[in-house]
């Protein structure tokens, strides 16, 4: 997830939140991306009952 577009989107969203909430530096203690979903949309996986575990952890293409 460390590509320029994702990082820029994160900081744009963070800046918007900070501006909307009028947060100043005294109020900032610790910030991270926990709880933010940067994937485009949720994915549903359909598999036959009893089949091996099927999972998908990211929509990003493998590099």
PDB file of N, CA and C in Angstrom:
ATOM      1  N   UNK A   1       0.819  -1.193   0.000  1.00  0.00           N
ATOM      2  CA  UNK A   1       0.000   0.000   0.000  1.00  0.00           C
ATOM      3  C   UNK A   1       0.866   1.260   0.000  1.00  0.00           C
ATOM      4  N   UNK A   2       2.158   1.115  -0.107  1.00  0.00           N
ATOM      5  CA  UNK A   2       3.009   2.283  -0.032  1.00  0.00           C
ATOM      6  C   UNK A   2       3.354   2.766  -1.436  1.00  0.00           C
ATOM      7  N   UNK A   3       2.337   3.286  -2.111  1.00  0.00           N
ATOM      8  CA  UNK A   3       2.600   3.921  -3.396  1.00  0.00           C
ATOM      9  C   UNK A   3       2.150   5.376  -3.297  1.00  0.00           C
ATOM     10  N   UNK A   4       2.673   6.234  -4.151  1.00  0.00           N
ATOM     11  CA  UNK A   4       2.403   7.677  -4.015  1.00  0.00           C
ATOM     12  C   UNK A   4       0.919   8.041  -3.986  1.00  0.00           C
ATOM     13  N   UNK A   5       0.108   7.399  -4.794  1.00  0.00           N
ATOM     14  CA  UNK A   5      -1.313   7.743  -4.833  1.00  0.00           C
ATOM     15  C   UNK A   5      -2.002   7.417  -3.515  1.00  0.00           C
ATOM     16  N   UNK A   6      -1.718   6.243  -2.955  1.00  0.00           N
ATOM     17  CA  UNK A   6      -2.335   5.843  -1.691  1.00  0.00           C
ATOM     18  C   UNK A   6      -1.876   6.755  -0.562  1.00  0.00           C
ATOM     19  N   UNK A   7      -0.589   7.035  -0.510  1.00  0.00           N
ATOM     20  CA  UNK A   7      -0.050   7.909   0.538  1.00  0.00           C
ATOM     21  C   UNK A   7      -0.645   9.316   0.428  1.00  0.00           C
ATOM     22  N   UNK A   8      -0.709   9.846  -0.782  1.00  0.00           N
ATOM     23  CA  UNK A   8      -1.291  11.183  -0.973  1.00  0.00           C
ATOM     24  C   UNK A   8      -2.757  11.212  -0.580  1.00  0.00           C
ATOM     25  N   UNK A   9      -3.507  10.163  -0.933  1.00  0.00           N
ATOM     26  CA  UNK A   9      -4.923  10.097  -0.544  1.00  0.00           C
ATOM     27  C   UNK A   9      -5.077  10.084   0.973  1.00  0.00           C
ATOM     28  N   UNK A  10      -4.213   9.317   1.647  1.00  0.00           N
ATOM     29  CA  UNK A  10      -4.265   9.248   3.109  1.00  0.00           C
ATOM     30  C   UNK A  10      -4.066  10.641   3.715  1.00  0.00           C
ATOM     31  N   UNK A  11      -3.017  11.331   3.266  1.00  0.00           N
ATOM     32  CA  UNK A  11      -2.729  12.639   3.854  1.00  0.00           C
ATOM     33  C   UNK A  11      -3.768  13.687   3.452  1.00  0.00           C
ATOM     34  N   UNK A  12      -4.358  13.562   2.272  1.00  0.00           N
ATOM     35  CA  UNK A  12      -5.449  14.467   1.902  1.00  0.00           C
ATOM     36  C   UNK A  12      -6.643  14.267   2.826  1.00  0.00           C
ATOM     37  N   UNK A  13      -6.991  12.998   3.103  1.00  0.00           N
ATOM     38  CA  UNK A  13      -8.104  12.711   4.007  1.00  0.00           C
ATOM     39  C   UNK A  13      -7.786  13.185   5.426  1.00  0.00           C
ATOM     40  N   UNK A  14      -6.569  12.943   5.876  1.00  0.00           N
ATOM     41  CA  UNK A  14      -6.170  13.386   7.216  1.00  0.00           C
ATOM     42  C   UNK A  14      -6.235  14.903   7.329  1.00  0.00           C
ATOM     43  N   UNK A  15      -5.750  15.598   6.308  1.00  0.00           N
ATOM     44  CA  UNK A  15      -5.791  17.065   6.318  1.00  0.00           C
ATOM     45  C   UNK A  15      -7.230  17.566   6.384  1.00  0.00           C
ATOM     46  N   UNK A  16      -8.124  16.923   5.636  1.00  0.00           N
ATOM     47  CA  UNK A  16      -9.539  17.318   5.635  1.00  0.00           C
ATOM     48  C   UNK A  16     -10.151  17.127   7.021  1.00  0.00           C
ATOM     49  N   UNK A  17      -9.851  16.006   7.660  1.00  0.00           N
ATOM     50  CA  UNK A  17     -10.379  15.738   9.006  1.00  0.00           C
ATOM     51  C   UNK A  17      -9.847  16.764   9.999  1.00  0.00           C
ATOM     52  N   UNK A  18      -8.546  17.024   9.951  1.00  0.00           N
ATOM     53  CA  UNK A  18      -7.929  18.007  10.865  1.00  0.00           C
ATOM     54  C   UNK A  18      -8.554  19.381  10.663  1.00  0.00           C
ATOM     55  N   UNK A  19      -8.759  19.786   9.409  1.00  0.00           N
ATOM     56  CA  UNK A  19      -9.378  21.087   9.131  1.00  0.00           C
ATOM     57  C   UNK A  19     -10.836  21.131   9.565  1.00  0.00           C
ATOM     58  N   UNK A  20     -11.605  20.059   9.266  1.00  0.00           N
ATOM     59  CA  UNK A  20     -13.024  20.027   9.639  1.00  0.00           C
ATOM     60  C   UNK A  20     -13.215  20.087  11.148  1.00  0.00           C
ATOM     61  N   UNK A  21     -12.349  19.406  11.885  1.00  0.00           N
ATOM     62  CA  UNK A  21     -12.476  19.343  13.338  1.00  0.00           C
ATOM     63  C   UNK A  21     -11.711  20.465  14.033  1.00  0.00           C
ATOM     64  N   UNK A  22     -11.044  21.305  13.256  1.00  0.00           N
ATOM     65  CA  UNK A  22     -10.254  22.416  13.785  1.00  0.00           C
ATOM     66  C   UNK A  22      -9.292  21.940  14.874  1.00  0.00           C
ATOM     67  N   UNK A  23      -8.556  20.885  14.534  1.00  0.00           N
ATOM     68  CA  UNK A  23      -7.592  20.305  15.470  1.00  0.00           C
ATOM     69  C   UNK A  23      -6.265  21.032  15.328  1.00  0.00           C
ATOM     70  N   UNK A  24      -5.697  21.448  16.455  1.00  0.00           N
ATOM     71  CA  UNK A  24      -4.387  22.079  16.460  1.00  0.00           C
ATOM     72  C   UNK A  24      -3.334  21.117  16.984  1.00  0.00           C
ATOM     73  N   UNK A  25      -2.085  21.501  16.909  1.00  0.00           N
ATOM     74  CA  UNK A  25      -1.009  20.605  17.331  1.00  0.00           C
ATOM     75  C   UNK A  25      -1.106  20.166  18.795  1.00  0.00           C
ATOM     76  N   UNK A  26      -1.632  20.981  19.729  1.00  0.00           N
ATOM     77  CA  UNK A  26      -1.744  20.485  21.111  1.00  0.00           C
ATOM     78  C   UNK A  26      -2.681  19.275  21.244  1.00  0.00           C
ATOM     79  N   UNK A  27      -3.661  19.156  20.331  1.00  0.00           N
ATOM     80  CA  UNK A  27      -4.613  18.049  20.417  1.00  0.00           C
ATOM     81  C   UNK A  27      -4.097  16.759  19.766  1.00  0.00           C
ATOM     82  N   UNK A  28      -3.053  16.853  18.968  1.00  0.00           N
ATOM     83  CA  UNK A  28      -2.560  15.679  18.249  1.00  0.00           C
ATOM     84  C   UNK A  28      -1.596  14.918  19.144  1.00  0.00           C
ATOM     85  N   UNK A  29      -1.935  13.676  19.429  1.00  0.00           N
ATOM     86  CA  UNK A  29      -1.082  12.838  20.278  1.00  0.00           C
ATOM     87  C   UNK A  29      -0.490  11.685  19.472  1.00  0.00           C
ATOM     88  N   UNK A  30      -1.353  10.972  18.754  1.00  0.00           N
ATOM     89  CA  UNK A  30      -0.914   9.822  17.988  1.00  0.00           C
ATOM     90  C   UNK A  30      -1.941   9.580  16.890  1.00  0.00           C
ATOM     91  N   UNK A  31      -1.492   9.520  15.670  1.00  0.00           N
ATOM     92  CA  UNK A  31      -2.390   9.278  14.545  1.00  0.00           C
ATOM     93  C   UNK A  31      -1.811   8.180  13.672  1.00  0.00           C
ATOM     94  N   UNK A  32      -2.649   7.301  13.227  1.00  0.00           N
ATOM     95  CA  UNK A  32      -2.252   6.308  12.237  1.00  0.00           C
ATOM     96  C   UNK A  32      -3.462   5.970  11.381  1.00  0.00           C
ATOM     97  N   UNK A  33      -3.264   5.068  10.430  1.00  0.00           N
ATOM     98  CA  UNK A  33      -4.331   4.763   9.487  1.00  0.00           C
ATOM     99  C   UNK A  33      -5.253   3.649   9.950  1.00  0.00           C
ATOM    100  N   UNK A  34      -5.156   3.226  11.197  1.00  0.00           N
ATOM    101  CA  UNK A  34      -6.007   2.163  11.718  1.00  0.00           C
ATOM    102  C   UNK A  34      -7.476   2.537  11.520  1.00  0.00           C
ATOM    103  N   UNK A  35      -8.213   1.635  10.978  1.00  0.00           N
ATOM    104  CA  UNK A  35      -9.633   1.861  10.775  1.00  0.00           C
ATOM    105  C   UNK A  35      -9.994   2.500   9.451  1.00  0.00           C
ATOM    106  N   UNK A  36      -9.015   2.953   8.685  1.00  0.00           N
ATOM    107  CA  UNK A  36      -9.296   3.521   7.372  1.00  0.00           C
ATOM    108  C   UNK A  36      -9.131   2.445   6.312  1.00  0.00           C
ATOM    109  N   UNK A  37     -10.091   2.349   5.433  1.00  0.00           N
ATOM    110  CA  UNK A  37     -10.034   1.359   4.364  1.00  0.00           C
ATOM    111  C   UNK A  37      -9.644   2.052   3.073  1.00  0.00           C
ATOM    112  N   UNK A  38      -8.491   1.692   2.538  1.00  0.00           N
ATOM    113  CA  UNK A  38      -8.015   2.311   1.312  1.00  0.00           C
ATOM    114  C   UNK A  38      -8.312   1.461   0.082  1.00  0.00           C
ATOM    115  N   UNK A  39      -8.988   0.339   0.259  1.00  0.00           N
ATOM    116  CA  UNK A  39      -9.385  -0.500  -0.872  1.00  0.00           C
ATOM    117  C   UNK A  39     -10.613   0.135  -1.523  1.00  0.00           C
ATOM    118  N   UNK A  40     -10.784  -0.118  -2.809  1.00  0.00           N
ATOM    119  CA  UNK A  40     -11.897   0.485  -3.541  1.00  0.00           C
ATOM    120  C   UNK A  40     -13.253  -0.009  -3.066  1.00  0.00           C
ATOM    121  N   UNK A  41     -13.392  -1.312  -2.869  1.00  0.00           N
ATOM    122  CA  UNK A  41     -14.677  -1.848  -2.437  1.00  0.00           C
ATOM    123  C   UNK A  41     -14.477  -3.222  -1.813  1.00  0.00           C
ATOM    124  N   UNK A  42     -15.502  -3.675  -1.112  1.00  0.00           N
ATOM    125  CA  UNK A  42     -15.448  -4.999  -0.517  1.00  0.00           C
ATOM    126  C   UNK A  42     -15.608  -6.063  -1.594  1.00  0.00           C
ATOM    127  N   UNK A  43     -15.056  -7.224  -1.339  1.00  0.00           N
ATOM    128  CA  UNK A  43     -15.131  -8.333  -2.295  1.00  0.00           C
ATOM    129  C   UNK A  43     -15.840  -9.495  -1.631  1.00  0.00           C
ATOM    130  N   UNK A  44     -16.731 -10.133  -2.350  1.00  0.00           N
ATOM    131  CA  UNK A  44     -17.384 -11.343  -1.859  1.00  0.00           C
ATOM    132  C   UNK A  44     -16.734 -12.537  -2.531  1.00  0.00           C
ATOM    133  N   UNK A  45     -16.475 -13.558  -1.749  1.00  0.00           N
ATOM    134  CA  UNK A  45     -15.880 -14.772  -2.276  1.00  0.00           C
ATOM    135  C   UNK A  45     -16.913 -15.872  -2.176  1.00  0.00           C
ATOM    136  N   UNK A  46     -17.134 -16.567  -3.275  1.00  0.00           N
ATOM    137  CA  UNK A  46     -18.077 -17.672  -3.299  1.00  0.00           C
ATOM    138  C   UNK A  46     -17.283 -18.958  -3.440  1.00  0.00           C
ATOM    139  N   UNK A  47     -17.523 -19.911  -2.544  1.00  0.00           N
ATOM    140  CA  UNK A  47     -16.821 -21.190  -2.591  1.00  0.00           C
ATOM    141  C   UNK A  47     -17.778 -22.287  -2.160  1.00  0.00           C
ATOM    142  N   UNK A  48     -17.490 -23.494  -2.564  1.00  0.00           N
ATOM    143  CA  UNK A  48     -18.312 -24.636  -2.210  1.00  0.00           C
ATOM    144  C   UNK A  48     -18.127 -24.948  -0.729  1.00  0.00           C
ATOM    145  N   UNK A  49     -19.235 -25.330  -0.052  1.00  0.00           N
ATOM    146  CA  UNK A  49     -19.136 -25.694   1.362  1.00  0.00           C
ATOM    147  C   UNK A  49     -18.181 -26.864   1.521  1.00  0.00           C
ATOM    148  N   UNK A  50     -17.360 -26.771   2.564  1.00  0.00           N
ATOM    149  CA  UNK A  50     -16.425 -27.842   2.843  1.00  0.00           C
ATOM    150  C   UNK A  50     -15.121 -27.724   2.074  1.00  0.00           C
ATOM    151  N   UNK A  51     -15.019 -26.717   1.194  1.00  0.00           N
ATOM    152  CA  UNK A  51     -13.782 -26.556   0.434  1.00  0.00           C
ATOM    153  C   UNK A  51     -12.706 -25.964   1.334  1.00  0.00           C
ATOM    154  N   UNK A  52     -11.479 -25.967   0.853  1.00  0.00           N
ATOM    155  CA  UNK A  52     -10.372 -25.390   1.613  1.00  0.00           C
ATOM    156  C   UNK A  52     -10.651 -23.918   1.881  1.00  0.00           C
ATOM    157  N   UNK A  53      -9.964 -23.368   2.834  1.00  0.00           N
ATOM    158  CA  UNK A  53     -10.144 -21.958   3.194  1.00  0.00           C
ATOM    159  C   UNK A  53      -9.851 -21.085   1.982  1.00  0.00           C
ATOM    160  N   UNK A  54     -10.767 -20.184   1.702  1.00  0.00           N
ATOM    161  CA  UNK A  54     -10.621 -19.263   0.587  1.00  0.00           C
ATOM    162  C   UNK A  54     -10.550 -17.866   1.175  1.00  0.00           C
ATOM    163  N   UNK A  55      -9.539 -17.124   0.810  1.00  0.00           N
ATOM    164  CA  UNK A  55      -9.436 -15.760   1.340  1.00  0.00           C
ATOM    165  C   UNK A  55      -8.778 -14.846   0.344  1.00  0.00           C
ATOM    166  N   UNK A  56      -9.007 -13.579   0.533  1.00  0.00           N
ATOM    167  CA  UNK A  56      -8.373 -12.548  -0.276  1.00  0.00           C
ATOM    168  C   UNK A  56      -8.051 -11.426   0.669  1.00  0.00           C
ATOM    169  N   UNK A  57      -6.773 -11.035   0.732  1.00  0.00           N
ATOM    170  CA  UNK A  57      -6.393 -10.022   1.702  1.00  0.00           C
ATOM    171  C   UNK A  57      -6.286  -8.637   1.090  1.00  0.00           C
ATOM    172  N   UNK A  58      -6.186  -8.542  -0.226  1.00  0.00           N
ATOM    173  CA  UNK A  58      -6.036  -7.232  -0.840  1.00  0.00           C
ATOM    174  C   UNK A  58      -6.540  -7.266  -2.267  1.00  0.00           C
ATOM    175  N   UNK A  59      -7.048  -6.124  -2.711  1.00  0.00           N
ATOM    176  CA  UNK A  59      -7.462  -6.013  -4.094  1.00  0.00           C
ATOM    177  C   UNK A  59      -6.312  -5.526  -4.955  1.00  0.00           C
ATOM    178  N   UNK A  60      -5.234  -5.141  -4.324  1.00  0.00           N
ATOM    179  CA  UNK A  60      -4.087  -4.633  -5.059  1.00  0.00           C
ATOM    180  C   UNK A  60      -3.442  -5.755  -5.850  1.00  0.00           C
ATOM    181  N   UNK A  61      -2.985  -5.458  -7.077  1.00  0.00           N
ATOM    182  CA  UNK A  61      -2.333  -6.495  -7.860  1.00  0.00           C
ATOM    183  C   UNK A  61      -1.008  -6.880  -7.238  1.00  0.00           C
ATOM    184  N   UNK A  62      -0.662  -8.154  -7.357  1.00  0.00           N
ATOM    185  CA  UNK A  62       0.623  -8.629  -6.828  1.00  0.00           C
ATOM    186  C   UNK A  62       1.763  -8.014  -7.619  1.00  0.00           C
ATOM    187  N   UNK A  63       2.839  -7.678  -6.924  1.00  0.00           N
ATOM    188  CA  UNK A  63       3.990  -7.110  -7.606  1.00  0.00           C
ATOM    189  C   UNK A  63       5.152  -8.042  -7.544  1.00  0.00           C
TER     190      UNK A  63
END
